[in-house]
Amino acid sequence: MTSTITRSLLLFLITLLVGCAASKGPDNTALRQSKPRSIVVLPPLNNSPDVRASYSFMSTVTFPLSELGYYVFPVALVDQTFKENGLPDPGEMHQVPLKKLAEIFGADAALYITVDRYGAEYQLLNSSIIVAARAKLIDTRSGDLLWEGQASASSSESNGGNSGGLLDMLIVSLIQQVINSAGNQGHAVARMTSARLLTLKPGGLLYGPRSPLYGTD
């Protein structure tokens, strides 16, 4: 009986330790040591079929980064600078050496973003706009990886479901498809994704040196 209790207790402790290890947050040692104050955001790579994804998503990142306490170089100016120097494509921009980025912009860190999903995705009885992206923050001086993360959001999160019959669901799906294809509806969902990706949370960026909350996370 005693041995059974001992084994049960041991199993409980192992499970508890494994759970604690699994919930441990990311290692932010490099980010804390680097203390970047300014970030240059490169136009995102676009793996989605929607050609608007890159610049639509890029326009959403300044606010959350600024709210966290980082200076963000104007994204339109960054894009124009690259293009004026013969680099019209985000893929080419991502190949620019870090030393060159530091020299041109004086940025402490560079944010590299990849948009994997952007736009409407259709199913028989449902249509949703989905935006998914991942990002890496790199120290322009040392080349160290300071942070990386990923996030996604969907327009269906706020739809609340449909409890009607099959015909009603088909009609709603058809209406959603028309609305989704009528304009750049993905931009609003991109803002949600950007906020989830960059805002302070488990796995998100820490407060920057310009924030009064710096060092409290």
Foldseek 3Di string as FASTA:
>chain_A
DVVVVVVVVVVVVVVVVVVVVVLDFDDQVLVVVLQWQEEEEQQAAEQEPDPCPRVLLVVQQCVQLVQLRHHYDPNVVVQVVCVVVPRNDSVSVVPDQLLVVCVPPVGQKYKYKYWNAAFWDDDQQAIKTKTKMKIWIAGSVPRDTRAIWIFMFIPVVPVPDDPDDPVVSNVVRVVVVCVRPVDRPRSVRSNVRSCVAAHDDRRHDHRHPRDPCPPVD
